[in-house]
Amino acid sequence: MLTVTHIADTHLGHRQYGLKQREDDMVSTLQAALGDMVEHHDTDAIVLPGDLFHSRDLRPKVLHQAEQQLSRVPDDVPVLVSRGNHDENLTPRDVTWLNYLHQRGHIVFLKADLSADPDTVRFEPYDREDPGNYAGFYDIESEAFDGPVRVFGLQWRGAKTDRALQQVANGIRTANELHGEPAFTMLLAHFGMEDEVPTLGGTVTHAELRDVKEVVDYLALGHIHKRYKAGEWIYNPGSPEAHSTREGRDEWEHGYYSVELSPGESGAGGGGVQL
């Protein structure tokens, strides 16, 4: 069995209501979550599909806190991160903070190369010897499986998400042809499902995920701050902290998922963990 923990929307640096205490709460909650994942769930990998940070332009203290918390994760437990809308820079830059954390070895930043071909995506494998600025996918190796658990990443695309998903499905097929078939496939992405928060706008329908479903076993989502799952393959853990009065209501569950993968099973076991 392989255990993967799935957290999203940690929003480090969010000084909610202008209160320093709320900013500190974001850090404390992440610290508690990472500790729980490692000590009580014996996680083999951590996935975080977007909004690690709340702001695109970080204060030095926030970056330092992120590095402190990520350094607590054992070296043999990869932290796989894709980009959310809050992680984007206002202006194009050669190196973002996620690139920086990737280069420092704190995370593996997963990103799809959408510019190579209008019909597909280029996914490059992570190379420990030469990690570069980002990777397209990461293989989690386990003796329990005949092949790797392969994790791909798609960055925030906003209104262009539906088109990107078609490219991603083609890109995953190509990557598997080039690098061998995995035992299990996960995709990190940052968007909402239409039937979960219909008033949000810019959401994705199940029909738009049809091609992706053919090549992905577990869609690890972020963006919506309440926990939900759909179709036994789409999972959104909800943010660890409530970021508005609405999100503080009882029906908005928060936390993370602890996912248990077993050979011969197409789905994932485990469940949500409340913080």
Protein backbone atom coordinates (compact mmCIF):
# COMPACT_ATOMS: atom_id res chain seq x y z
CA MET A 1 0.00 0.00 0.00
CA LEU A 2 1.09 3.57 -0.73
CA THR A 3 -0.18 6.61 1.18
CA VAL A 4 -0.48 10.01 -0.47
CA THR A 5 -1.78 13.04 1.42
CA HIS A 6 -3.63 15.74 -0.52
CA ILE A 7 -3.82 19.30 0.79
CA ALA A 8 -4.54 22.56 -1.06
CA ASP A 9 -5.12 26.29 -0.64
CA THR A 10 -2.89 26.84 2.38
CA HIS A 11 -2.68 30.58 1.51
CA LEU A 12 0.45 31.31 3.51
CA GLY A 13 0.73 35.04 4.11
CA HIS A 14 -3.01 35.73 4.26
CA ARG A 15 -3.48 38.40 6.93
CA GLN A 16 -7.24 37.89 7.15
CA TYR A 17 -9.15 40.94 8.46
CA GLY A 18 -5.77 42.67 8.69
CA LEU A 19 -4.89 40.55 11.74
CA LYS A 20 -1.38 39.22 12.26
CA GLN A 21 -2.87 36.40 14.34
CA ARG A 22 -4.77 35.09 11.31
CA GLU A 23 -1.58 35.16 9.24
CA ASP A 24 0.14 33.16 11.98
CA ASP A 25 -2.82 30.74 12.03
CA MET A 26 -2.17 29.84 8.38
CA VAL A 27 1.39 28.82 9.25
CA SER A 28 0.41 26.96 12.42
CA THR A 29 -2.28 24.99 10.59
CA LEU A 30 0.14 23.96 7.84
CA GLN A 31 2.67 22.92 10.48
CA ALA A 32 0.03 20.80 12.23
CA ALA A 33 -1.11 19.25 8.95
CA LEU A 34 2.38 18.32 7.78
CA GLY A 35 3.20 16.85 11.18
CA ASP A 36 -0.01 14.82 11.19
CA MET A 37 0.62 13.54 7.67
CA VAL A 38 4.12 12.33 8.48
CA GLU A 39 3.67 11.10 12.05
CA HIS A 40 0.15 9.66 12.07
CA HIS A 41 -0.54 8.77 8.44
CA ASP A 42 3.00 7.73 7.48
CA THR A 43 2.61 9.48 4.15
CA ASP A 44 4.81 8.50 1.22
CA ALA A 45 4.15 11.73 -0.70
CA ILE A 46 2.31 15.03 -0.29
CA VAL A 47 0.43 16.72 -3.14
CA LEU A 48 -0.66 20.37 -3.10
CA PRO A 49 -2.59 21.54 -6.19
CA GLY A 50 -2.31 25.30 -5.93
CA ASP A 51 -2.38 28.36 -3.70
CA LEU A 52 0.48 27.47 -1.42
CA PHE A 53 0.76 31.24 -1.00
CA HIS A 54 -1.96 33.86 -0.70
CA SER A 55 -0.13 36.64 -2.52
CA ARG A 56 1.84 36.68 -5.74
CA ASP A 57 4.43 39.02 -4.23
CA LEU A 58 5.72 37.65 -0.94
CA ARG A 59 7.20 39.39 2.03
CA PRO A 60 10.49 37.79 3.12
CA LYS A 61 8.93 36.55 6.36
CA VAL A 62 6.29 34.53 4.51
CA LEU A 63 8.86 32.86 2.28
CA HIS A 64 11.00 32.06 5.32
CA GLN A 65 8.01 30.50 7.10
CA ALA A 66 7.22 28.38 4.04
CA GLU A 67 10.80 27.10 3.89
CA GLN A 68 10.76 26.35 7.62
CA GLN A 69 7.60 24.25 7.40
CA LEU A 70 8.58 22.42 4.22
CA SER A 71 11.98 21.56 5.69
CA ARG A 72 10.18 19.56 8.40
CA VAL A 73 9.07 17.02 5.81
CA PRO A 74 11.50 14.06 5.58
CA ASP A 75 13.74 14.02 2.51
CA ASP A 76 12.19 10.77 1.26
CA VAL A 77 8.68 12.29 1.19
CA PRO A 78 8.29 14.43 -1.95
CA VAL A 79 6.07 17.51 -1.78
CA LEU A 80 4.50 17.87 -5.23
CA VAL A 81 3.01 21.30 -5.95
CA SER A 82 1.18 22.85 -8.90
CA ARG A 83 0.36 26.53 -9.34
CA GLY A 84 -2.90 28.19 -8.33
CA ASN A 85 -4.26 31.61 -9.21
CA HIS A 86 -2.82 33.15 -6.02
CA ASP A 87 0.63 31.74 -6.82
CA GLU A 88 0.83 33.55 -10.16
CA ASN A 89 2.89 36.70 -10.55
CA LEU A 90 1.25 39.92 -11.68
CA THR A 91 3.96 40.36 -14.29
CA PRO A 92 5.96 37.67 -16.14
CA ARG A 93 9.18 36.67 -14.40
CA ASP A 94 11.88 34.16 -15.18
CA VAL A 95 11.73 32.72 -11.64
CA THR A 96 8.63 32.56 -9.42
CA TRP A 97 8.59 31.62 -5.75
CA LEU A 98 7.47 28.10 -6.67
CA ASN A 99 10.44 27.85 -9.05
CA TYR A 100 12.66 29.03 -6.20
CA LEU A 101 11.33 26.41 -3.75
CA HIS A 102 11.73 23.76 -6.46
CA GLN A 103 15.36 24.75 -7.06
CA ARG A 104 16.03 24.71 -3.31
CA GLY A 105 14.68 21.16 -3.07
CA HIS A 106 11.75 22.02 -0.78
CA ILE A 107 9.12 21.04 -3.36
CA VAL A 108 8.79 19.52 -6.80
CA PHE A 109 6.99 22.14 -8.90
CA LEU A 110 4.83 20.39 -11.49
CA LYS A 111 3.80 22.34 -14.57
CA ALA A 112 2.52 21.54 -18.06
CA ASP A 113 4.33 22.97 -21.09
CA LEU A 114 1.33 24.25 -23.04
CA SER A 115 3.26 26.22 -25.64
CA ALA A 116 4.91 23.39 -27.57
CA ASP A 117 1.85 22.20 -29.51
CA PRO A 118 -1.74 23.54 -29.72
CA ASP A 119 -3.15 20.00 -29.49
CA THR A 120 -1.09 18.50 -26.70
CA VAL A 121 1.07 19.19 -23.65
CA ARG A 122 4.71 18.36 -23.12
CA PHE A 123 5.31 16.69 -19.76
CA GLU A 124 8.97 16.25 -18.87
CA PRO A 125 9.93 13.80 -16.07
CA TYR A 126 11.49 15.07 -12.87
CA ASP A 127 15.27 14.59 -12.85
CA ARG A 128 16.86 14.52 -9.39
CA GLU A 129 20.31 15.21 -10.84
CA ASP A 130 19.12 18.16 -12.92
CA PRO A 131 15.77 19.38 -11.55
CA GLY A 132 15.66 22.58 -13.62
CA ASN A 133 12.96 25.16 -12.87
CA TYR A 134 10.05 22.70 -12.85
CA ALA A 135 8.98 19.23 -14.00
CA GLY A 136 5.98 17.88 -15.86
CA PHE A 137 5.50 14.73 -13.82
CA TYR A 138 6.99 12.84 -10.89
CA ASP A 139 7.12 9.06 -10.48
CA ILE A 140 6.56 7.73 -6.95
CA GLU A 141 8.22 4.33 -6.81
CA SER A 142 6.89 1.59 -4.54
CA GLU A 143 7.75 -2.10 -4.28
CA ALA A 144 4.04 -2.77 -3.85
CA PHE A 145 3.30 -1.74 -7.44
CA ASP A 146 4.44 -3.13 -10.78
CA GLY A 147 4.97 0.42 -12.04
CA PRO A 148 5.22 3.94 -10.64
CA VAL A 149 2.44 6.11 -9.27
CA ARG A 150 2.78 8.94 -11.77
CA VAL A 151 1.78 12.47 -10.74
CA PHE A 152 1.23 15.17 -13.38
CA GLY A 153 0.62 18.86 -12.78
CA LEU A 154 -1.54 21.44 -14.56
CA GLN A 155 -1.20 25.06 -13.53
CA TRP A 156 -4.13 27.49 -13.09
CA ARG A 157 -5.64 28.31 -16.49
CA GLY A 158 -8.81 30.22 -15.57
CA ALA A 159 -11.18 30.57 -18.53
CA LYS A 160 -8.80 28.50 -20.68
CA THR A 161 -9.06 25.41 -18.47
CA ASP A 162 -11.41 23.45 -20.74
CA ARG A 163 -9.02 23.74 -23.68
CA ALA A 164 -6.01 22.90 -21.50
CA LEU A 165 -7.71 19.72 -20.26
CA GLN A 166 -7.96 18.38 -23.81
CA GLN A 167 -4.26 19.06 -24.30
CA VAL A 168 -3.44 17.42 -20.96
CA ALA A 169 -5.19 14.16 -21.84
CA ASN A 170 -3.17 13.94 -25.06
CA GLY A 171 0.03 14.89 -23.24
CA ILE A 172 -0.41 12.18 -20.61
CA ARG A 173 -0.87 9.54 -23.30
CA THR A 174 2.30 10.70 -25.05
CA ALA A 175 4.31 10.79 -21.81
CA ASN A 176 3.22 7.24 -20.97
CA GLU A 177 4.20 6.03 -24.44
CA LEU A 178 7.65 7.58 -24.03
CA HIS A 179 8.32 6.67 -20.40
CA GLY A 180 6.28 3.52 -19.82
CA GLU A 181 2.81 2.94 -18.42
CA PRO A 182 2.31 3.78 -14.72
CA ALA A 183 0.43 1.64 -12.23
CA PHE A 184 -1.67 4.61 -11.11
CA THR A 185 -2.03 8.20 -12.37
CA MET A 186 -2.76 11.39 -10.46
CA LEU A 187 -3.28 14.87 -11.90
CA LEU A 188 -2.94 18.05 -9.83
CA ALA A 189 -5.12 20.94 -11.03
CA HIS A 190 -6.64 24.15 -9.71
CA PHE A 191 -10.28 24.74 -10.65
CA GLY A 192 -13.81 24.17 -9.36
CA MET A 193 -16.47 21.69 -10.47
CA GLU A 194 -19.65 23.30 -11.79
CA ASP A 195 -22.09 21.26 -9.72
CA GLU A 196 -20.30 21.93 -6.41
CA VAL A 197 -20.21 25.75 -6.44
CA PRO A 198 -22.45 26.75 -9.38
CA THR A 199 -22.30 30.48 -8.56
CA LEU A 200 -18.52 30.66 -8.73
CA GLY A 201 -18.13 30.99 -12.51
CA GLY A 202 -15.25 29.66 -14.58
CA THR A 203 -15.88 26.10 -13.39
CA VAL A 204 -15.41 22.82 -15.26
CA THR A 205 -18.13 20.33 -16.18
CA HIS A 206 -17.89 16.55 -16.02
CA ALA A 207 -18.27 16.45 -19.80
CA GLU A 208 -15.12 18.56 -20.18
CA LEU A 209 -13.24 15.99 -18.10
CA ARG A 210 -14.26 13.00 -20.21
CA ASP A 211 -10.91 12.66 -22.01
CA VAL A 212 -8.93 13.24 -18.82
CA LYS A 213 -10.87 10.52 -17.00
CA GLU A 214 -9.61 7.97 -19.53
CA VAL A 215 -5.99 8.53 -18.45
CA VAL A 216 -6.26 9.72 -14.82
CA ASP A 217 -7.26 7.65 -11.78
CA TYR A 218 -7.25 10.45 -9.19
CA LEU A 219 -7.87 14.13 -9.97
CA ALA A 220 -6.40 16.13 -7.08
CA LEU A 221 -8.07 19.53 -7.05
CA GLY A 222 -7.59 22.80 -5.24
CA HIS A 223 -9.30 26.23 -5.56
CA ILE A 224 -12.65 25.66 -3.81
CA HIS A 225 -12.27 26.01 -0.06
CA LYS A 226 -14.75 23.30 0.95
CA ARG A 227 -14.23 19.55 0.82
CA TYR A 228 -16.02 17.54 -1.84
CA LYS A 229 -15.53 14.52 -4.06
CA ALA A 230 -17.25 13.50 -7.28
CA GLY A 231 -17.46 10.37 -9.38
CA GLU A 232 -15.09 8.40 -7.10
CA TRP A 233 -12.08 9.94 -8.85
CA ILE A 234 -12.33 13.72 -8.27
CA TYR A 235 -11.22 14.98 -4.85
CA ASN A 236 -11.02 18.49 -3.38
CA PRO A 237 -9.93 18.65 0.28
CA GLY A 238 -11.03 22.19 1.09
CA SER A 239 -8.63 24.75 2.48
CA PRO A 240 -7.11 23.99 5.90
CA GLU A 241 -8.46 27.34 7.21
CA ALA A 242 -11.71 29.21 6.56
CA HIS A 243 -11.02 32.44 4.69
CA SER A 244 -14.44 34.09 5.02
CA THR A 245 -17.57 33.97 7.17
CA ARG A 246 -19.27 31.86 4.52
CA GLU A 247 -16.44 29.33 4.60
CA GLY A 248 -16.77 29.07 8.38
CA ARG A 249 -20.22 27.47 8.16
CA ASP A 250 -20.64 23.86 9.23
CA GLU A 251 -21.32 22.61 5.69
CA TRP A 252 -17.90 23.86 4.55
CA GLU A 253 -15.59 21.08 5.71
CA HIS A 254 -11.86 21.84 5.75
CA GLY A 255 -8.71 19.75 6.06
CA TYR A 256 -6.90 17.33 3.79
CA TYR A 257 -7.22 13.84 2.33
CA SER A 258 -5.16 10.83 3.32
CA VAL A 259 -5.29 8.55 0.28
CA GLU A 260 -4.41 4.85 0.40
CA LEU A 261 -3.47 3.26 -2.91
CA SER A 262 -3.34 -0.52 -3.25
CA PRO A 263 -2.15 -2.70 -6.18
CA GLY A 264 -4.95 -4.00 -8.37
CA GLU A 265 -7.43 -1.34 -7.28
CA SER A 266 -8.30 1.48 -9.66
CA GLY A 267 -9.70 3.73 -6.94
CA ALA A 268 -8.32 5.28 -3.78
CA GLY A 269 -9.14 4.41 -0.19
CA GLY A 270 -8.83 6.56 2.90
CA GLY A 271 -10.75 9.75 3.57
CA GLY A 272 -10.81 13.32 4.73
CA VAL A 273 -8.95 14.56 7.79
CA GLN A 274 -10.41 17.50 9.69
CA LEU A 275 -7.93 20.00 11.15
